[in-house]
Amino acid sequence: MNKGIMLIGTILLTAVSASADNPKKWTLEECINYAMTNNITLKKTRLEKQSATEDLKQSKAALLPSFNLSTNQSIGYRPWVNDGVSTVNNGTVSTSINKTSYNGSYGLNTSWTVWNGNRNLNTVKQNRLAEQQAELNSDITANSIQEQIIQLYVQILYLKEAINVCRNNYETALKNEERGKEMVEAGNMSKADLAQLTAQTATDKYNITEAESNLAGYRLQLKQLLEITGEEDFDIYIPEISDNKAMKEIPPLETVYETALTTRPEIENGRLAIENSKLGISIAKSGKMPTISLTGGVGTNTTSMNSRTWGTQIKTNMDASVGATLSIPLFDNRSTRTAVNKAKLQQEESLLDLQDRQKQLYSTIEGYWLDAYTNQQKFKAAQASVESEQAGYDLVSEQFRLGMKNIIELMTGKNNLLNAQQNRLQSKYMTILNIQILNFYKGEPAKL
């Protein structure tokens, strides 16, 4: 029995250890889904939407009559009262003077604004639009977070592959340095030239360290967007990114823009802001309109100074009233006209804001499209450049080993190859990134 328990414990410890050695690899879709649930900034915008919903409910309730029940209980004291209450008991007259009295009043009142220039109805409509705008603001934040995740994710993919290139160059530099040492011993190279090879090796090692540092920085930014604590292990899944992904057709600029005009929440939010400003003008104009309201109430009171019972007083002292109020504004020190003018200015500002958002949207999409097109052309050229520089460096390297090329020519060929490789990688991933974001603006889900 003990051996069985020990075996199970060993298996569990092995599983936990394996899980620790191999932390979860996050795909792009998993990163986005996790952020949509856990990002704090996004949670705050959702709370704002809930607050707007409460405002809408309150404005709807304002259309109904209000009721309130009130009561007042008090004790009165009259120190200079001389008159009292006389009673006869068994032929004896006794007089008592009560200087303290207990009083109570009870009332049920109601009021209802029947019409106030449609201010209440328009307020309901305005709050309904505000609720929709709050939800759109949440969608805007969600889109912004997704866009940042896509950029960080692709940047991490680029740096991981760039690190591999740097490591390959470092390995090559080590071989060149070893070959240089052999040539120095054979008397075919000076120590000054060997020092240059050693410096190149150190530079290539530094490039690895710098790239790894940049990778850690981008990984940290991605963790922060996902609200993952710094102590938790985090790494992304590396999908197969073929060169064909960078050669995909770039979505047409106008197609992306026309689609974005109908799907992007910031544009719809701008349209709702215009509708909201129109209602604001109507609400402001209602200040010139009469207000009709109804009131009603039922009340009664009691006092200990009355010889009647409490129940009798409640009944006999009860009174009810119903009333209607008509209020017509005559002169309000220009407050209504000012409110109307400011509401009209707000409408004009909303119209300009929508135009600005449309212009900004086009500019953003155009920027991504130009980057995608430019980097795709660079990638095509970089592919040929890498092949050419690789062939050239292989030839120079072989000639260097044979003593036919000097150290300057070797290092120049190696630097040219490294630059070509880095340009190829950068243009590849920049093309993939910009095509992905263009598709995202078309309403397609982020996917690599």
Protein backbone atom coordinates (compact mmCIF):
# COMPACT_ATOMS: atom_id res chain seq x y z
CA MET A 1 0.00 0.00 0.00
CA ASN A 2 2.80 2.43 0.94
CA LYS A 3 4.66 1.57 -2.25
CA GLY A 4 1.55 2.40 -4.28
CA ILE A 5 1.18 5.79 -2.58
CA MET A 6 4.85 6.54 -3.16
CA LEU A 7 4.51 5.60 -6.84
CA ILE A 8 1.51 7.92 -7.30
CA GLY A 9 3.38 10.73 -5.51
CA THR A 10 6.40 10.24 -7.76
CA ILE A 11 4.22 10.42 -10.88
CA LEU A 12 2.53 13.63 -9.67
CA LEU A 13 5.87 15.26 -8.83
CA THR A 14 7.22 14.29 -12.23
CA ALA A 15 4.16 15.79 -13.94
CA VAL A 16 4.46 19.03 -11.97
CA SER A 17 8.18 19.24 -12.74
CA ALA A 18 7.54 18.66 -16.45
CA SER A 19 4.88 21.36 -16.43
CA ALA A 20 7.29 23.79 -14.77
CA ASP A 21 10.00 23.01 -17.30
CA ASN A 22 7.58 23.47 -20.19
CA PRO A 23 5.39 26.52 -19.45
CA LYS A 24 2.29 27.18 -21.46
CA LYS A 25 2.86 28.55 -24.94
CA TRP A 26 0.29 31.25 -25.70
CA THR A 27 -1.15 31.53 -29.19
CA LEU A 28 -2.24 34.90 -30.55
CA GLU A 29 -5.90 33.94 -30.19
CA GLU A 30 -5.37 32.84 -26.57
CA CYS A 31 -3.60 36.11 -25.75
CA ILE A 32 -6.47 38.16 -27.16
CA ASN A 33 -9.20 36.09 -25.48
CA TYR A 34 -7.42 36.28 -22.12
CA ALA A 35 -6.93 40.04 -22.38
CA MET A 36 -10.60 40.56 -23.29
CA THR A 37 -11.51 38.97 -19.96
CA ASN A 38 -8.76 40.19 -17.63
CA ASN A 39 -7.43 43.54 -18.86
CA ILE A 40 -8.12 46.13 -16.14
CA THR A 41 -8.56 49.08 -18.50
CA LEU A 42 -11.19 47.14 -20.42
CA LYS A 43 -12.96 46.17 -17.18
CA LYS A 44 -13.20 49.85 -16.25
CA THR A 45 -14.90 50.74 -19.55
CA ARG A 46 -17.44 47.98 -18.92
CA LEU A 47 -18.20 49.50 -15.53
CA GLU A 48 -18.82 52.82 -17.27
CA LYS A 49 -21.34 51.07 -19.50
CA GLN A 50 -23.12 49.67 -16.43
CA SER A 51 -23.20 53.17 -14.94
CA ALA A 52 -24.79 54.48 -18.15
CA THR A 53 -27.39 51.71 -17.92
CA GLU A 54 -28.30 52.87 -14.41
CA ASP A 55 -28.73 56.44 -15.70
CA LEU A 56 -31.10 55.14 -18.37
CA LYS A 57 -33.18 53.24 -15.82
CA GLN A 58 -33.39 56.33 -13.61
CA SER A 59 -34.56 58.55 -16.47
CA LYS A 60 -37.27 56.02 -17.36
CA ALA A 61 -38.42 55.97 -13.75
CA ALA A 62 -38.67 59.78 -13.83
CA LEU A 63 -41.63 59.41 -16.24
CA LEU A 64 -43.69 57.84 -13.44
CA PRO A 65 -45.40 59.55 -10.48
CA SER A 66 -43.44 59.77 -7.24
CA PHE A 67 -44.90 58.80 -3.88
CA ASN A 68 -43.70 59.53 -0.36
CA LEU A 69 -45.01 58.67 3.06
CA SER A 70 -44.21 61.08 5.88
CA THR A 71 -44.86 61.30 9.58
CA ASN A 72 -43.87 63.72 12.30
CA GLN A 73 -43.93 62.96 16.02
CA SER A 74 -43.32 65.76 18.50
CA ILE A 75 -43.67 66.67 22.14
CA GLY A 76 -44.92 70.12 23.05
CA TYR A 77 -44.45 72.02 26.30
CA ARG A 78 -46.45 75.09 27.47
CA PRO A 79 -45.11 76.25 30.84
CA TRP A 80 -47.63 79.09 31.55
CA VAL A 81 -50.91 77.27 30.94
CA ASN A 82 -53.41 78.01 33.74
CA ASP A 83 -56.51 76.28 32.39
CA GLY A 84 -56.85 72.62 33.15
CA VAL A 85 -59.27 69.75 32.83
CA SER A 86 -61.77 69.23 35.67
CA THR A 87 -63.26 65.86 36.54
CA VAL A 88 -65.83 64.76 39.17
CA ASN A 89 -65.16 61.55 41.05
CA ASN A 90 -67.49 60.47 43.95
CA GLY A 91 -68.69 64.01 44.40
CA THR A 92 -65.18 65.40 44.43
CA VAL A 93 -64.02 67.83 41.74
CA SER A 94 -60.36 67.49 40.71
CA THR A 95 -58.50 69.70 38.26
CA SER A 96 -55.34 68.71 36.30
CA ILE A 97 -53.18 70.92 34.16
CA ASN A 98 -51.16 69.26 31.33
CA LYS A 99 -48.28 71.43 30.23
CA THR A 100 -46.82 68.67 28.01
CA SER A 101 -48.56 67.35 24.91
CA TYR A 102 -47.74 64.63 22.34
CA ASN A 103 -48.56 65.39 18.70
CA GLY A 104 -48.38 63.31 15.54
CA SER A 105 -49.02 63.94 11.85
CA TYR A 106 -49.20 61.46 8.95
CA GLY A 107 -49.26 62.05 5.23
CA LEU A 108 -49.11 60.31 1.85
CA ASN A 109 -48.19 62.59 -1.06
CA THR A 110 -47.70 62.14 -4.78
CA SER A 111 -46.51 64.29 -7.66
CA TRP A 112 -46.31 63.70 -11.40
CA THR A 113 -44.86 65.84 -14.14
CA VAL A 114 -47.35 65.35 -16.96
CA TRP A 115 -45.56 67.44 -19.57
CA ASN A 116 -42.46 69.60 -19.55
CA GLY A 117 -41.77 70.18 -23.22
CA ASN A 118 -40.80 66.48 -23.69
CA ARG A 119 -37.71 67.05 -21.58
CA ASN A 120 -38.16 63.76 -19.73
CA LEU A 121 -38.80 61.74 -22.90
CA ASN A 122 -35.81 63.26 -24.65
CA THR A 123 -33.66 62.62 -21.59
CA VAL A 124 -34.58 58.94 -21.81
CA LYS A 125 -33.56 58.90 -25.48
CA GLN A 126 -30.35 60.73 -24.69
CA ASN A 127 -29.43 58.31 -21.92
CA ARG A 128 -30.18 55.38 -24.20
CA LEU A 129 -27.71 56.81 -26.71
CA ALA A 130 -25.22 57.39 -23.89
CA GLU A 131 -25.52 53.72 -22.93
CA GLN A 132 -24.79 52.69 -26.52
CA GLN A 133 -21.85 55.09 -26.64
CA ALA A 134 -20.44 53.65 -23.42
CA GLU A 135 -20.62 50.18 -24.93
CA LEU A 136 -18.90 51.45 -28.08
CA ASN A 137 -16.18 53.04 -25.94
CA SER A 138 -15.60 49.60 -24.46
CA ASP A 139 -15.35 48.16 -27.98
CA ILE A 140 -12.88 50.90 -28.94
CA THR A 141 -10.69 49.99 -25.97
CA ALA A 142 -10.96 46.29 -26.83
CA ASN A 143 -9.87 46.98 -30.42
CA SER A 144 -6.95 49.07 -29.23
CA ILE A 145 -5.79 46.30 -26.90
CA GLN A 146 -6.11 43.68 -29.65
CA GLU A 147 -4.11 45.85 -32.03
CA GLN A 148 -1.35 46.26 -29.44
CA ILE A 149 -1.31 42.50 -28.81
CA ILE A 150 -0.95 41.78 -32.54
CA GLN A 151 1.96 44.22 -32.81
CA LEU A 152 3.74 42.85 -29.73
CA TYR A 153 3.15 39.23 -30.73
CA VAL A 154 4.59 39.72 -34.23
CA GLN A 155 7.48 41.74 -32.83
CA ILE A 156 8.31 38.85 -30.48
CA LEU A 157 8.20 36.41 -33.40
CA TYR A 158 10.58 38.65 -35.33
CA LEU A 159 13.03 38.98 -32.44
CA LYS A 160 13.06 35.22 -31.79
CA GLU A 161 14.07 34.59 -35.38
CA ALA A 162 16.49 37.53 -35.32
CA ILE A 163 18.20 36.01 -32.27
CA ASN A 164 18.74 32.80 -34.21
CA VAL A 165 20.39 34.80 -36.99
CA CYS A 166 22.61 36.56 -34.44
CA ARG A 167 23.60 33.23 -32.91
CA ASN A 168 24.51 31.80 -36.31
CA ASN A 169 26.67 34.84 -36.98
CA TYR A 170 28.28 34.45 -33.58
CA GLU A 171 29.12 30.82 -34.32
CA THR A 172 30.64 31.87 -37.63
CA ALA A 173 32.64 34.60 -35.88
CA LEU A 174 34.01 32.04 -33.42
CA LYS A 175 35.15 29.83 -36.30
CA ASN A 176 36.78 32.79 -38.03
CA GLU A 177 38.55 33.71 -34.79
CA GLU A 178 39.84 30.14 -34.37
CA ARG A 179 41.03 30.15 -37.98
CA GLY A 180 42.74 33.49 -37.35
CA LYS A 181 44.61 32.08 -34.36
CA GLU A 182 45.86 29.22 -36.50
CA MET A 183 47.00 31.69 -39.17
CA VAL A 184 48.81 33.81 -36.58
CA GLU A 185 50.65 30.75 -35.33
CA ALA A 186 51.55 29.88 -38.91
CA GLY A 187 52.76 33.42 -39.50
CA ASN A 188 50.11 34.16 -42.13
CA MET A 189 48.24 36.85 -40.12
CA SER A 190 49.20 39.64 -37.83
CA LYS A 191 47.98 39.90 -34.25
CA ALA A 192 46.29 43.19 -35.18
CA ASP A 193 44.10 41.36 -37.70
CA LEU A 194 43.32 38.69 -35.09
CA ALA A 195 42.29 41.42 -32.69
CA GLN A 196 39.73 42.59 -35.25
CA LEU A 197 38.31 39.07 -35.49
CA THR A 198 38.11 38.91 -31.69
CA ALA A 199 36.33 42.27 -31.60
CA GLN A 200 33.87 41.04 -34.24
CA THR A 201 33.13 37.98 -32.10
CA ALA A 202 32.45 40.21 -29.10
CA THR A 203 30.19 42.45 -31.21
CA ASP A 204 28.18 39.45 -32.42
CA LYS A 205 27.79 38.24 -28.85
CA TYR A 206 26.63 41.70 -27.79
CA ASN A 207 24.05 41.64 -30.62
CA ILE A 208 22.61 38.44 -29.16
CA THR A 209 22.38 40.00 -25.69
CA GLU A 210 20.73 43.15 -27.04
CA ALA A 211 18.19 41.18 -29.07
CA GLU A 212 17.36 39.01 -26.04
CA SER A 213 16.93 42.15 -23.92
CA ASN A 214 14.54 43.63 -26.50
CA LEU A 215 12.66 40.33 -26.59
CA ALA A 216 12.26 40.36 -22.80
CA GLY A 217 10.94 43.92 -22.98
CA TYR A 218 8.28 43.11 -25.56
CA ARG A 219 7.32 39.95 -23.67
CA LEU A 220 6.89 42.04 -20.52
CA GLN A 221 4.64 44.52 -22.35
CA LEU A 222 2.49 41.65 -23.61
CA LYS A 223 2.21 40.18 -20.10
CA GLN A 224 1.11 43.56 -18.77
CA LEU A 225 -1.66 43.80 -21.38
CA LEU A 226 -2.83 40.33 -20.35
CA GLU A 227 -2.57 41.32 -16.65
CA ILE A 228 -0.23 38.38 -15.97
CA THR A 229 1.96 38.90 -12.90
CA GLY A 230 5.71 39.16 -13.32
CA GLU A 231 6.37 35.97 -11.33
CA GLU A 232 4.51 33.75 -13.76
CA ASP A 233 6.35 32.10 -16.64
CA PHE A 234 5.19 33.38 -20.00
CA ASP A 235 6.10 32.56 -23.56
CA ILE A 236 4.28 32.57 -26.87
CA TYR A 237 3.64 29.78 -29.31
CA ILE A 238 5.81 29.96 -32.41
CA PRO A 239 3.66 29.20 -35.46
CA GLU A 240 5.16 28.29 -38.77
CA ILE A 241 5.67 31.61 -40.52
CA SER A 242 6.55 30.82 -44.11
CA ASP A 243 7.75 33.39 -46.61
CA ASN A 244 4.43 32.96 -48.42
CA LYS A 245 2.67 34.82 -45.62
CA ALA A 246 4.66 37.91 -46.51
CA MET A 247 3.78 37.48 -50.18
CA LYS A 248 0.02 37.38 -49.62
CA GLU A 249 -2.12 39.86 -51.49
CA ILE A 250 -2.48 43.14 -49.63
CA PRO A 251 -6.15 44.13 -49.11
CA PRO A 252 -7.10 47.15 -51.26
CA LEU A 253 -6.94 50.43 -49.35
CA GLU A 254 -10.41 51.64 -50.33
CA THR A 255 -12.00 48.27 -49.55
CA VAL A 256 -10.53 48.27 -46.05
CA TYR A 257 -11.62 51.86 -45.45
CA GLU A 258 -15.18 51.43 -46.70
CA THR A 259 -15.60 48.33 -44.54
CA ALA A 260 -14.10 50.06 -41.51
CA LEU A 261 -16.55 52.96 -41.87
CA THR A 262 -19.41 50.54 -41.22
CA THR A 263 -17.80 48.33 -38.57
CA ARG A 264 -15.40 50.39 -36.48
CA PRO A 265 -16.92 51.44 -33.12
CA GLU A 266 -15.24 54.88 -33.10
CA ILE A 267 -17.15 55.86 -36.26
CA GLU A 268 -20.48 54.61 -34.94
CA ASN A 269 -19.77 56.41 -31.67
CA GLY A 270 -19.29 59.65 -33.63
CA ARG A 271 -22.64 59.19 -35.36
CA LEU A 272 -24.38 58.59 -32.03
CA ALA A 273 -22.74 61.71 -30.64
CA ILE A 274 -24.46 63.73 -33.39
CA GLU A 275 -27.83 62.17 -32.52
CA ASN A 276 -27.15 62.91 -28.87
CA SER A 277 -26.41 66.56 -29.64
CA LYS A 278 -29.70 66.88 -31.56
CA LEU A 279 -31.57 65.67 -28.49
CA GLY A 280 -29.54 68.13 -26.43
CA ILE A 281 -30.96 70.97 -28.55
CA SER A 282 -34.51 69.70 -28.01
CA ILE A 283 -33.94 69.44 -24.27
CA ALA A 284 -32.56 72.98 -24.17
CA LYS A 285 -35.54 74.33 -26.11
CA SER A 286 -37.93 72.74 -23.62
CA GLY A 287 -36.90 75.49 -21.21
CA LYS A 288 -39.26 77.78 -23.17
CA MET A 289 -42.19 75.40 -22.78
CA PRO A 290 -44.84 75.34 -20.04
CA THR A 291 -44.71 72.60 -17.42
CA ILE A 292 -47.84 70.77 -16.28
CA SER A 293 -47.76 68.70 -13.10
CA LEU A 294 -50.29 66.99 -10.85
CA THR A 295 -50.08 66.70 -7.09
CA GLY A 296 -52.12 64.89 -4.50
CA GLY A 297 -51.99 63.99 -0.85
CA VAL A 298 -53.80 62.47 2.11
CA GLY A 299 -53.00 63.54 5.69
CA THR A 300 -54.18 63.46 9.28
CA ASN A 301 -52.94 64.37 12.75
CA THR A 302 -53.37 63.56 16.40
CA THR A 303 -52.64 65.23 19.73
CA SER A 304 -52.79 64.22 23.37
CA MET A 305 -54.55 67.56 24.17
CA ASN A 306 -57.69 66.16 22.56
CA SER A 307 -59.90 63.95 24.68
CA ARG A 308 -60.81 61.78 21.73
CA THR A 309 -59.07 58.48 21.15
CA TRP A 310 -56.12 58.17 18.77
CA GLY A 311 -58.17 56.19 16.24
CA THR A 312 -61.02 58.70 16.31
CA GLN A 313 -58.63 61.58 15.76
CA ILE A 314 -56.99 59.79 12.82
CA LYS A 315 -60.39 59.42 11.22
CA THR A 316 -61.91 62.83 11.95
CA ASN A 317 -58.76 64.86 11.20
CA MET A 318 -58.09 63.19 7.84
CA ASP A 319 -58.07 65.41 4.74
CA ALA A 320 -57.21 64.82 1.06
CA SER A 321 -56.23 67.14 -1.76
CA VAL A 322 -55.62 67.00 -5.51
CA GLY A 323 -54.06 69.80 -7.50
CA ALA A 324 -52.68 70.75 -10.91
CA THR A 325 -49.86 73.18 -11.54
CA LEU A 326 -49.15 75.07 -14.73
CA SER A 327 -45.81 76.85 -14.91
CA ILE A 328 -45.13 79.17 -17.85
CA PRO A 329 -41.59 80.61 -18.18
CA LEU A 330 -41.64 84.31 -18.99
CA PHE A 331 -38.14 85.58 -18.34
CA ASP A 332 -35.23 83.38 -17.23
CA ASN A 333 -32.30 85.79 -17.59
CA ARG A 334 -31.41 84.30 -20.99
CA SER A 335 -30.52 80.90 -19.52
CA THR A 336 -32.68 78.99 -22.06
CA ARG A 337 -31.31 80.84 -25.08
CA THR A 338 -27.76 80.27 -23.86
CA ALA A 339 -28.47 76.56 -23.34
CA VAL A 340 -29.91 76.27 -26.87
CA ASN A 341 -26.96 78.07 -28.45
CA LYS A 342 -24.45 75.94 -26.59
CA ALA A 343 -26.33 72.79 -27.60
CA LYS A 344 -26.11 73.89 -31.25
CA LEU A 345 -22.40 74.47 -30.85
CA GLN A 346 -22.10 70.99 -29.38
CA GLN A 347 -23.83 69.60 -32.46
CA GLU A 348 -21.38 71.37 -34.75
CA GLU A 349 -18.50 70.03 -32.68
CA SER A 350 -19.91 66.51 -32.96
CA LEU A 351 -20.13 66.85 -36.75
CA LEU A 352 -16.51 68.02 -36.91
CA ASP A 353 -15.46 65.25 -34.54
CA LEU A 354 -17.01 62.62 -36.83
CA GLN A 355 -15.22 64.10 -39.83
CA ASP A 356 -11.97 64.08 -37.88
CA ARG A 357 -12.47 60.45 -36.87
CA GLN A 358 -13.15 59.45 -40.48
CA LYS A 359 -10.05 61.34 -41.61
CA GLN A 360 -7.95 59.78 -38.85
CA LEU A 361 -9.27 56.32 -39.71
CA TYR A 362 -8.32 56.77 -43.35
CA SER A 363 -4.89 58.07 -42.39
CA THR A 364 -4.29 55.10 -40.08
CA ILE A 365 -5.38 52.54 -42.66
CA GLU A 366 -3.39 54.28 -45.38
CA GLY A 367 -0.31 54.18 -43.16
CA TYR A 368 -0.68 50.44 -42.58
CA TRP A 369 -1.30 49.87 -46.30
CA LEU A 370 1.78 51.84 -47.34
CA ASP A 371 3.90 50.01 -44.76
CA ALA A 372 2.59 46.67 -46.00
CA TYR A 373 3.28 47.52 -49.65
CA THR A 374 6.71 49.04 -48.98
CA ASN A 375 7.89 46.18 -46.78
CA GLN A 376 6.60 43.60 -49.20
CA GLN A 377 8.70 45.17 -51.96
CA LYS A 378 11.66 45.32 -49.58
CA PHE A 379 11.17 41.66 -48.74
CA LYS A 380 11.28 40.67 -52.41
CA ALA A 381 14.51 42.60 -52.86
CA ALA A 382 15.95 41.34 -49.57
CA GLN A 383 15.46 37.70 -50.57
CA ALA A 384 17.67 38.17 -53.60
CA SER A 385 20.11 40.24 -51.57
CA VAL A 386 20.53 37.52 -48.91
CA GLU A 387 21.22 34.89 -51.55
CA SER A 388 23.77 37.14 -53.24
CA GLU A 389 25.49 38.19 -50.00
CA GLN A 390 25.54 34.60 -48.73
CA ALA A 391 27.21 33.38 -51.91
CA GLY A 392 29.67 36.27 -51.77
CA TYR A 393 30.51 35.68 -48.13
CA ASP A 394 30.98 31.93 -48.63
CA LEU A 395 33.45 32.69 -51.42
CA VAL A 396 35.34 35.34 -49.41
CA SER A 397 35.40 33.06 -46.35
CA GLU A 398 36.92 30.22 -48.37
CA GLN A 399 39.46 32.55 -49.93
CA PHE A 400 40.28 33.91 -46.45
CA ARG A 401 41.03 30.42 -45.21
CA LEU A 402 43.33 29.97 -48.18
CA GLY A 403 45.04 33.27 -47.45
CA MET A 404 43.74 34.94 -50.61
CA LYS A 405 41.58 37.56 -48.82
CA ASN A 406 42.46 39.86 -45.97
CA ILE A 407 40.56 40.48 -42.73
CA ILE A 408 38.91 43.66 -44.00
CA GLU A 409 37.30 41.85 -46.94
CA LEU A 410 36.11 39.03 -44.67
CA MET A 411 34.51 41.32 -42.13
CA THR A 412 32.93 43.47 -44.82
CA GLY A 413 31.36 40.40 -46.42
CA LYS A 414 30.09 39.17 -43.05
CA ASN A 415 28.56 42.54 -42.12
CA ASN A 416 26.89 42.79 -45.52
CA LEU A 417 25.40 39.33 -45.06
CA LEU A 418 24.17 40.17 -41.54
CA ASN A 419 22.54 43.39 -42.73
CA ALA A 420 20.84 41.56 -45.60
CA GLN A 421 19.54 38.86 -43.26
CA GLN A 422 18.21 41.41 -40.77
CA ASN A 423 16.58 43.46 -43.56
CA ARG A 424 14.93 40.34 -44.89
CA LEU A 425 13.57 39.37 -41.47
CA GLN A 426 12.38 42.86 -40.64
CA SER A 427 10.60 43.40 -43.97
CA LYS A 428 9.05 39.93 -43.73
CA TYR A 429 7.50 40.41 -40.31
CA MET A 430 6.55 44.03 -40.93
CA THR A 431 4.65 42.93 -44.04
CA ILE A 432 2.88 40.17 -42.11
CA LEU A 433 2.06 42.57 -39.28
CA ASN A 434 0.58 45.26 -41.51
CA ILE A 435 -1.45 42.80 -43.59
CA GLN A 436 -2.80 41.29 -40.38
CA ILE A 437 -3.83 44.69 -39.02
CA LEU A 438 -5.45 45.66 -42.33
CA ASN A 439 -7.52 42.48 -42.13
CA PHE A 440 -8.35 43.36 -38.52
CA TYR A 441 -9.67 46.75 -39.66
CA LYS A 442 -11.82 44.86 -42.16
CA GLY A 443 -13.45 43.12 -39.22
CA GLU A 444 -11.61 39.81 -39.52
CA PRO A 445 -10.38 38.16 -36.29
CA ALA A 446 -6.67 38.29 -35.56
CA LYS A 447 -5.04 35.07 -36.66
CA LEU A 448 -1.55 33.97 -37.68
